[in-house]
Protein backbone atom coordinates (compact mmCIF):
# COMPACT_ATOMS: atom_id res chain seq x y z
CA MET A 1 7.66 -18.84 -16.73
CA ALA A 2 5.14 -16.55 -15.42
CA ALA A 3 3.63 -16.49 -11.85
CA THR A 4 0.05 -16.77 -11.30
CA THR A 5 -2.02 -14.49 -9.06
CA VAL A 6 -4.04 -16.20 -6.12
CA VAL A 7 -6.66 -14.17 -4.90
CA LYS A 8 -7.82 -14.17 -1.05
CA THR A 9 -10.57 -12.19 0.18
CA ILE A 10 -10.02 -10.84 3.89
CA GLY A 11 -13.08 -9.97 6.47
CA ALA A 12 -15.87 -11.38 8.27
CA THR A 13 -17.26 -13.43 5.14
CA GLY A 14 -13.79 -13.73 3.49
CA THR A 15 -11.59 -16.62 3.13
CA PHE A 16 -9.27 -15.36 6.18
CA SER A 17 -11.22 -13.17 8.73
CA THR A 18 -7.52 -11.00 9.39
CA VAL A 19 -4.95 -9.60 7.13
CA GLN A 20 -2.61 -11.36 9.42
CA LEU A 21 -4.05 -14.91 8.82
CA TRP A 22 -4.02 -13.94 5.15
CA GLU A 23 -0.10 -12.98 5.63
CA ASP A 24 0.42 -16.49 7.50
CA GLY A 25 -1.35 -18.46 5.01
CA ALA A 26 1.21 -17.49 2.24
CA PRO A 27 3.88 -20.30 1.18
CA ALA A 28 7.34 -19.93 2.47
CA ASP A 29 8.50 -19.64 -1.01
CA LEU A 30 6.67 -17.51 -3.39
CA THR A 31 9.23 -18.21 -6.04
CA THR A 32 8.73 -21.91 -6.45
CA ALA A 33 5.10 -22.43 -5.59
CA GLU A 34 3.67 -24.16 -8.96
CA ARG A 35 0.29 -24.31 -10.51
CA SER A 36 -0.35 -27.54 -12.51
CA ALA A 37 -3.15 -29.10 -14.30
CA CYS A 38 -4.95 -31.76 -12.30
CA GLY A 39 -8.02 -34.19 -12.82
CA THR A 40 -10.16 -36.87 -10.97
CA PHE A 41 -10.80 -34.83 -7.70
CA LEU A 42 -12.28 -37.22 -5.33
CA VAL A 43 -13.60 -37.55 -1.68
CA ALA A 44 -13.87 -34.25 -0.53
CA ALA A 45 -12.70 -30.47 -1.06
CA PHE A 46 -9.48 -29.54 -0.50
CA VAL A 47 -8.90 -27.19 2.28
CA GLN A 48 -6.51 -23.95 2.15
CA GLY A 49 -3.37 -24.48 3.83
CA GLU A 50 -3.45 -28.00 4.24
CA ALA A 51 -0.30 -30.33 3.90
CA LEU A 52 -0.16 -32.37 0.75
CA THR A 53 1.56 -35.55 0.01
CA PHE A 54 2.41 -36.49 -3.70
CA VAL A 55 2.28 -40.11 -3.91
CA GLY A 56 4.56 -41.35 -6.84
CA SER A 57 7.40 -38.64 -6.75
CA GLY A 58 7.35 -38.41 -2.62
CA ALA A 59 7.09 -34.65 -2.94
CA THR A 60 5.50 -32.50 -0.25
CA GLY A 61 3.74 -29.19 -0.16
CA VAL A 62 0.95 -27.12 0.85
CA MET A 63 -2.49 -26.55 -0.90
CA LEU A 64 -2.63 -22.66 -1.65
CA ASP A 65 -5.81 -22.43 -4.61
CA THR A 66 -7.92 -24.86 -6.85
CA ASP A 67 -10.99 -24.44 -8.88
CA SER A 68 -12.14 -27.85 -7.37
CA THR A 69 -15.24 -27.38 -5.19
CA GLY A 70 -15.48 -31.04 -4.57
CA PRO A 71 -15.71 -34.58 -5.93
CA GLY A 72 -15.87 -34.48 -9.91
CA THR A 73 -15.05 -30.94 -10.19
CA GLY A 74 -11.57 -28.80 -10.67
CA THR A 75 -8.93 -28.77 -13.16
CA TYR A 76 -6.10 -27.38 -11.48
CA MET A 77 -4.23 -26.94 -8.00
CA THR A 78 -1.68 -24.19 -6.87
CA TYR A 79 0.60 -25.60 -4.48
CA GLY A 80 3.62 -24.54 -2.03
CA ILE A 81 6.28 -27.07 -2.42
CA THR A 82 7.93 -27.92 0.91
CA LEU A 83 10.02 -30.98 -0.47
CA GLY A 84 10.82 -33.08 -3.59
CA ASN A 85 9.52 -32.26 -7.11
CA PRO A 86 5.98 -33.35 -8.16
CA ALA A 87 5.69 -35.48 -11.31
CA ALA A 88 3.09 -36.50 -13.87
CA SER A 89 0.56 -39.06 -12.48
CA ASP A 90 1.34 -38.38 -8.73
CA VAL A 91 -1.74 -38.76 -6.82
CA ILE A 92 -2.06 -35.55 -4.68
CA THR A 93 -3.51 -36.47 -1.14
CA GLY A 94 -4.38 -33.80 1.50
CA THR A 95 -4.72 -33.99 5.11
CA SER A 96 -8.56 -33.42 4.67
CA THR A 97 -8.52 -36.87 2.94
CA ALA A 98 -9.34 -34.94 -0.56
CA THR A 99 -7.42 -36.46 -3.59
CA CYS A 100 -6.53 -35.70 -7.09
CA VAL A 101 -4.30 -36.75 -9.82
CA LEU A 102 -1.47 -34.18 -11.23
CA THR A 103 -1.87 -34.54 -15.23
CA SER A 104 1.41 -33.04 -16.19
CA GLY A 105 4.98 -32.96 -14.52
CA THR A 106 5.55 -29.43 -16.04
CA PRO A 107 3.54 -26.85 -14.16
CA ASP A 108 1.35 -23.96 -15.94
CA PHE A 109 2.84 -21.41 -13.78
CA THR A 110 5.84 -21.11 -11.54
CA GLY A 111 5.67 -18.71 -8.73
CA VAL A 112 2.61 -16.78 -7.28
CA VAL A 113 1.52 -13.31 -6.42
CA TRP A 114 -0.11 -13.84 -2.92
CA GLN A 115 -2.94 -11.18 -3.20
CA GLY A 116 -5.32 -10.34 -0.31
CA GLN A 117 -8.30 -8.33 -0.99
CA CYS A 118 -9.83 -6.70 1.92
CA GLN A 119 -13.53 -6.10 2.18
CA ASN A 120 -15.09 -3.10 3.28
CA GLN A 121 -14.54 -3.12 6.94
CA VAL A 122 -12.14 -1.77 9.79
CA PHE A 123 -9.59 -4.28 10.69
CA THR A 124 -8.86 -3.23 14.25
CA VAL A 125 -6.11 -4.41 16.17
CA ALA A 126 -4.59 -3.31 19.50
CA GLY A 127 -1.10 -4.15 18.03
CA THR A 128 0.43 -4.41 14.75
CA VAL A 129 -2.22 -5.24 12.23
CA LEU A 130 -0.22 -6.65 9.95
CA THR A 131 3.37 -7.86 9.68
CA VAL A 132 4.70 -9.16 6.39
CA SER A 133 7.87 -10.93 6.63
CA GLY A 134 9.69 -14.32 6.17
CA SER A 135 8.76 -15.50 2.64
CA THR A 136 11.16 -15.94 -0.26
CA ASN A 137 10.03 -13.49 -3.01
CA SER A 138 11.06 -11.56 -6.11
CA THR A 139 9.96 -8.90 -8.18
CA THR A 140 7.32 -11.08 -10.16
CA ALA A 141 6.31 -13.31 -7.15
CA TYR A 142 5.33 -11.52 -4.07
CA LYS A 143 2.77 -10.53 -1.71
CA GLU A 144 0.07 -7.80 -2.54
CA LEU A 145 -2.49 -6.29 -0.14
CA THR A 146 -5.36 -4.49 -1.78
CA THR A 147 -9.25 -4.05 -1.65
CA VAL A 148 -11.92 -5.91 -3.19
CA SER A 149 -14.06 -4.31 -5.87
CA GLY A 150 -15.98 -1.38 -4.40
CA ALA A 151 -14.53 -1.40 -1.11
CA SER A 152 -11.66 1.11 -1.29
CA PHE A 153 -12.11 4.88 -0.63
CA ARG A 154 -11.30 5.24 -4.26
CA ASP A 155 -14.36 3.48 -5.18
CA ALA A 156 -16.38 5.84 -2.86
CA PHE A 157 -14.93 8.81 -4.70
CA THR A 158 -15.91 7.44 -7.88
CA SER A 159 -19.79 7.26 -6.69
CA VAL A 160 -19.74 10.20 -4.72
CA PRO A 161 -16.61 12.73 -5.96
CA ASP A 162 -17.44 15.53 -3.56
CA LYS A 163 -15.90 14.16 -0.40
CA ALA A 164 -13.28 15.25 1.92
CA LEU A 165 -9.53 13.51 1.11
CA ARG A 166 -8.66 12.40 4.53
CA TYR A 167 -8.68 9.11 6.69
CA ASN A 168 -12.41 8.22 6.86
CA THR A 169 -13.52 4.57 7.67
CA ALA A 170 -17.08 5.70 6.27
CA ASN A 171 -15.35 5.52 2.83
CA GLY A 172 -13.62 2.15 2.51
CA ALA A 173 -11.56 -0.52 3.99
CA ALA A 174 -9.23 0.86 6.62
CA LEU A 175 -6.68 -0.76 8.99
CA ASP A 176 -6.18 0.81 12.50
CA CYS A 177 -3.87 0.07 15.07
CA THR A 178 -5.16 1.46 18.36
CA SER A 179 -1.83 0.70 20.65
CA ASN A 180 0.05 3.52 22.29
CA THR A 181 3.67 3.68 20.14
CA GLY A 182 1.88 1.27 17.87
CA LEU A 183 2.68 0.32 14.19
CA ALA A 184 -0.45 -0.56 12.05
CA VAL A 185 1.71 -2.45 9.13
CA PHE A 186 5.14 -3.49 8.90
CA LEU A 187 6.29 -4.85 5.51
CA ASN A 188 9.64 -6.79 6.12
CA GLU A 189 10.18 -8.94 3.34
CA THR A 190 13.38 -8.77 1.72
CA ASN A 191 12.38 -7.79 -2.12
CA THR A 192 8.99 -6.98 -3.19
CA VAL A 193 5.63 -6.29 -1.25
CA LYS A 194 2.67 -4.38 -2.80
CA LEU A 195 0.21 -2.09 -0.92
CA SER A 196 -2.64 -0.31 -2.31
CA ASN A 197 -6.10 1.40 -2.04
CA LEU A 198 -5.94 1.19 1.63
CA GLN A 199 -6.41 3.72 4.38
CA VAL A 200 -4.18 3.03 7.42
CA THR A 201 -3.81 4.74 10.85
CA GLY A 202 -2.32 4.62 14.22
CA SER A 203 -5.04 6.03 16.02
CA ASN A 204 -3.57 6.38 19.67
CA THR A 205 -1.13 8.35 21.05
CA ASN A 206 2.29 8.01 19.26
CA GLY A 207 0.44 5.82 16.64
CA ARG A 208 2.30 5.01 13.48
CA ALA A 209 0.94 3.68 10.32
CA ILE A 210 3.58 2.11 8.37
CA ASN A 211 6.97 0.91 8.32
CA ALA A 212 7.79 -0.32 4.53
CA GLY A 213 10.98 -2.53 3.65
CA GLY A 214 11.87 -4.05 0.52
CA VAL A 215 14.17 -2.79 -1.96
CA THR A 216 11.50 -3.23 -5.04
CA SER A 217 8.38 -2.66 -2.75
CA VAL A 218 5.57 -0.23 -3.98
CA ILE A 219 3.22 1.63 -1.87
CA SER A 220 0.62 3.35 -4.05
CA ASN A 221 -2.89 5.21 -3.59
CA CYS A 222 -2.70 4.81 0.07
CA ILE A 223 -3.78 7.18 2.80
CA PHE A 224 -1.59 6.93 6.09
CA ASP A 225 -2.90 8.74 9.28
CA GLY A 226 -0.83 9.01 12.74
CA ARG A 227 0.27 10.42 15.53
CA TYR A 228 4.05 9.77 16.37
CA ALA A 229 5.73 12.71 17.92
CA VAL A 230 8.83 11.16 19.43
CA VAL A 231 12.28 12.03 18.09
CA SER A 232 13.57 9.07 16.19
CA THR A 233 15.22 8.69 12.85
CA GLY A 234 13.56 5.32 12.16
CA ASN A 235 10.05 6.19 13.15
CA GLY A 236 7.45 8.66 12.02
CA VAL A 237 3.77 8.36 10.78
CA ALA A 238 4.92 6.43 7.76
CA ALA A 239 8.54 5.15 7.58
CA CYS A 240 11.02 2.90 5.12
CA GLY A 241 13.82 0.58 6.03
CA ASN A 242 14.80 0.22 2.26
CA ASN A 243 14.69 1.76 -1.19
CA VAL A 244 10.61 1.83 -1.32
CA THR A 245 8.65 3.58 -4.23
CA TRP A 246 5.33 5.57 -2.90
CA ILE A 247 2.86 6.71 -5.42
CA ASN A 248 0.10 8.76 -4.69
CA CYS A 249 0.09 8.65 -1.23
CA LEU A 250 -1.53 11.02 1.40
CA ILE A 251 0.85 11.10 4.78
CA ILE A 252 -1.05 12.78 7.51
CA GLN A 253 0.69 13.91 10.89
CA ARG A 254 -1.99 14.49 13.53
CA ALA A 255 0.26 15.11 16.42
CA SER A 256 1.28 18.35 17.75
CA ALA A 257 5.07 19.29 18.28
CA SER A 258 6.02 16.08 16.63
CA ASP A 259 9.73 15.56 15.25
CA HIS A 260 8.80 14.94 11.76
CA ILE A 261 6.03 13.21 9.46
CA PHE A 262 7.99 10.70 7.54
CA ALA A 263 11.21 8.68 8.72
CA THR A 264 13.61 7.58 5.94
CA GLY A 265 16.10 6.22 8.34
CA THR A 266 19.37 5.35 6.20
CA SER A 267 17.01 4.44 3.13
CA SER A 268 16.88 5.99 -0.16
CA PRO A 269 13.23 6.08 -1.06
CA THR A 270 11.44 7.50 -4.05
CA PHE A 271 8.16 9.62 -3.69
CA ARG A 272 5.80 10.25 -6.89
CA ASN A 273 2.98 12.77 -6.43
CA CYS A 274 2.55 12.26 -2.61
CA THR A 275 1.50 14.64 -0.46
CA PHE A 276 2.64 15.36 3.38
CA VAL A 277 0.94 17.39 5.47
CA ALA A 278 0.37 18.02 9.12
CA GLY A 279 -3.18 20.49 10.29
CA ASP A 280 -2.19 23.97 9.76
CA ASP A 281 -3.92 24.41 13.40
CA LEU A 282 -1.77 22.07 15.38
CA ALA A 283 -0.17 24.03 18.45
CA THR A 284 3.16 23.32 17.36
CA ALA A 285 4.13 22.47 13.68
CA PRO A 286 6.17 19.27 13.05
CA THR A 287 9.95 20.12 13.26
CA SER A 288 10.60 18.72 9.75
CA ILE A 289 8.84 16.90 6.98
CA PHE A 290 11.24 13.96 6.72
CA SER A 291 13.72 12.61 9.23
CA SER A 292 16.89 10.77 8.00
CA GLY A 293 19.80 8.80 9.70
CA LEU A 294 23.31 9.03 8.86
CA SER A 295 23.03 8.37 5.16
CA GLY A 296 20.28 8.31 2.23
CA ALA A 297 18.92 10.23 -0.56
CA ILE A 298 15.53 11.14 -0.85
CA THR A 299 13.97 11.17 -4.30
CA ALA A 300 10.80 13.27 -4.92
CA GLN A 301 8.87 14.30 -7.88
CA ASN A 302 5.40 16.45 -7.92
CA CYS A 303 5.34 16.14 -4.47
CA GLY A 304 3.38 18.62 -1.75
CA MET A 305 5.22 18.79 1.45
CA PHE A 306 3.32 20.96 4.26
CA ALA A 307 4.34 21.47 7.92
CA GLY A 308 1.87 24.45 8.85
CA ASP A 309 5.11 26.67 9.76
CA SER A 310 7.36 28.28 7.21
CA THR A 311 10.13 28.12 9.59
CA LYS A 312 10.51 24.45 9.61
CA ALA A 313 12.69 22.11 7.39
CA ILE A 314 11.93 19.69 4.91
CA ILE A 315 14.74 17.33 5.61
CA GLY A 316 16.06 17.05 9.45
CA GLY A 317 19.13 15.09 9.51
CA SER A 318 21.95 14.42 6.84
CA ALA A 319 20.25 12.82 3.92
CA THR A 320 20.33 14.52 0.51
CA GLY A 321 17.27 15.36 -1.37
CA ALA A 322 16.83 15.38 -5.02
CA PHE A 323 13.44 17.11 -5.76
CA THR A 324 11.65 17.91 -8.92
CA THR A 325 8.86 20.36 -9.31
CA CYS A 326 7.87 19.98 -5.71
CA ALA A 327 5.87 22.22 -3.36
CA SER A 328 5.90 23.24 0.32
CA ASP A 329 5.25 26.07 2.54
CA ILE A 330 9.13 25.75 3.78
CA SER A 331 11.78 27.26 1.45
CA GLY A 332 15.32 26.76 0.82
CA ALA A 333 15.39 23.36 -1.12
CA ALA A 334 16.09 23.27 -4.71
CA GLY A 335 13.25 22.00 -6.99
CA VAL A 336 11.08 22.93 -4.09
CA THR A 337 8.65 26.04 -4.71
CA GLN A 338 7.26 27.94 -1.73
CA VAL A 339 3.59 28.22 -1.66
CA THR A 340 1.00 29.50 1.04
CA TYR A 341 -0.47 26.10 2.46
CA ASN A 342 -3.98 27.39 3.42
CA GLN A 343 -4.47 28.52 -0.23
CA GLU A 344 -3.86 24.91 -1.46
CA PHE A 345 -6.21 22.64 0.19
CA GLN A 346 -9.83 22.68 0.49
CA ASP A 347 -9.37 22.35 4.64
CA VAL A 348 -6.39 22.01 6.42
CA ASN A 349 -7.58 22.02 9.84
CA ASP A 350 -6.48 18.70 11.67
CA ALA A 351 -9.88 17.62 12.93
CA THR A 352 -11.74 18.59 9.44
CA GLY A 353 -9.02 18.20 6.73
CA ASP A 354 -9.76 17.82 3.07
CA TYR A 355 -6.54 17.71 1.16
CA ARG A 356 -8.09 17.96 -2.24
CA LEU A 357 -6.81 20.72 -4.05
CA ARG A 358 -8.78 23.91 -4.18
CA PRO A 359 -9.30 26.17 -7.20
CA GLY A 360 -6.68 28.50 -8.04
CA ALA A 361 -4.13 26.39 -5.84
CA SER A 362 -0.39 26.91 -6.91
CA GLN A 363 0.08 23.04 -6.91
CA ILE A 364 -2.45 22.77 -10.12
CA ASN A 365 -0.44 22.09 -13.42
CA ALA A 366 3.04 22.80 -11.86
CA GLY A 367 4.04 19.20 -12.09
CA THR A 368 6.06 17.24 -14.63
CA VAL A 369 4.54 14.37 -16.78
CA ASP A 370 5.07 10.90 -15.53
CA MET A 371 2.97 8.66 -17.21
CA THR A 372 5.05 5.30 -16.08
CA ASN A 373 4.11 5.84 -12.45
CA ALA A 374 1.55 8.05 -11.88
CA SER A 375 -0.77 8.23 -14.79
CA THR A 376 -3.78 8.33 -12.43
CA ASP A 377 -3.89 9.89 -9.15
CA ILE A 378 -4.94 8.51 -5.45
CA VAL A 379 -8.66 8.10 -6.20
CA GLY A 380 -8.40 6.92 -9.91
CA THR A 381 -8.67 10.43 -11.95
CA ALA A 382 -6.65 10.10 -15.24
CA ARG A 383 -3.71 12.71 -15.33
CA PRO A 384 -3.10 15.40 -16.65
CA LYS A 385 -6.32 17.37 -16.54
CA GLY A 386 -4.45 20.49 -17.78
CA PRO A 387 -1.48 20.84 -19.69
CA SER A 388 0.69 19.17 -16.90
CA TYR A 389 0.53 17.26 -13.86
CA ASP A 390 -0.88 18.72 -10.74
CA ILE A 391 1.70 18.33 -7.89
CA GLY A 392 0.68 15.92 -5.09
CA ALA A 393 -1.72 12.99 -4.50
CA TRP A 394 -4.69 14.50 -5.85
CA GLU A 395 -5.70 16.00 -9.63
CA PHE A 396 -7.73 18.65 -9.91
CA ILE A 397 -10.58 18.55 -12.32
CA PRO A 398 -11.55 21.87 -13.90
CA GLY A 399 -15.08 23.01 -13.38
CA PRO A 400 -17.27 25.17 -15.86
CA THR A 401 -15.78 28.60 -16.73
CA LEU A 402 -17.68 31.39 -15.22
CA TRP A 403 -18.58 34.59 -17.19
CA ALA A 404 -20.98 37.36 -16.61
CA GLY A 405 -24.01 35.80 -18.41
CA GLY A 406 -23.71 32.46 -16.81
CA MET A 407 -21.61 29.17 -17.39
CA ILE A 408 -19.64 28.19 -20.63
């Protein structure tokens, strides 16, 4: 039976004020949570997260979602099961004193996607902004963090296309870890977590943006910005501890003399149309794009990888790399074309970076078609805009053609 999506807004006027409270409100087992038809709602409105008793079967649970707004309203309830098996005609009683009647012993849905939608604000914490962990999940019942409609940097580019592509809180919802050697997001579920449409930064010295786990997790359409400079095969501006898939992500190293941009540890991540950059004006470029542990295989398609110094390495460590139609200012890897960094993007300076492709960039139309994984770019532009995909997170949109008499 299919899972249902439970949507909770996050922010000053949302269901949860912080992203961590949204995570903490999830059921312990996403795969067995149920949505069932209910009726005869009485007394008061149910409260998110309150304990439930199913009088009749003796089952217990926790309230996740309902369309009831008070007595006499409502047709269903979504609940996490903590004990037993609810049955038809059970009277569901909450600790808030609200009650209703379960009208069917067979749920309409089994399993939930626990989706949090961030409002347009900056979620700043002097420590880890979000740790996702502890729930039983699957490829169909999992946690997903994204934004409400209109709150993402992607929406800002839709309304005003001529914006610099970089971390900028003026453009939409963002997560910011302000601690030294801190981590903004830690995704530590066993199977699936999804993250999309967000800007994430580790804004202090050695700040890190994200460490993602889960063998089927997907990170898409995000900007990650950090300043991590320490030599460590498990840490970087972004990192993963399992075989995570990254799509249309821009990952920016802001620290001079850093060891690497992305840490793969011993994992085998997949990257599709991602862009890895460090400012071309940093005093010392990163030693490598990727840093690995003792094993693992990096798979990258249509990715741009730029350190700002052609003498650096694409992979530091012993992991293998399988690259297809990628580009870099560093040579020596099969499947990677060496190009000139400062001719590829609008602005490659650290403070003012704009990682949209510039006219004439070698990455334009140099990728391979991948309609399954990246049919749109980081801001939602449909691919391709030419004979093939562009390399990296940004799809270049050709302008009018110039000729001697004007435009055609």
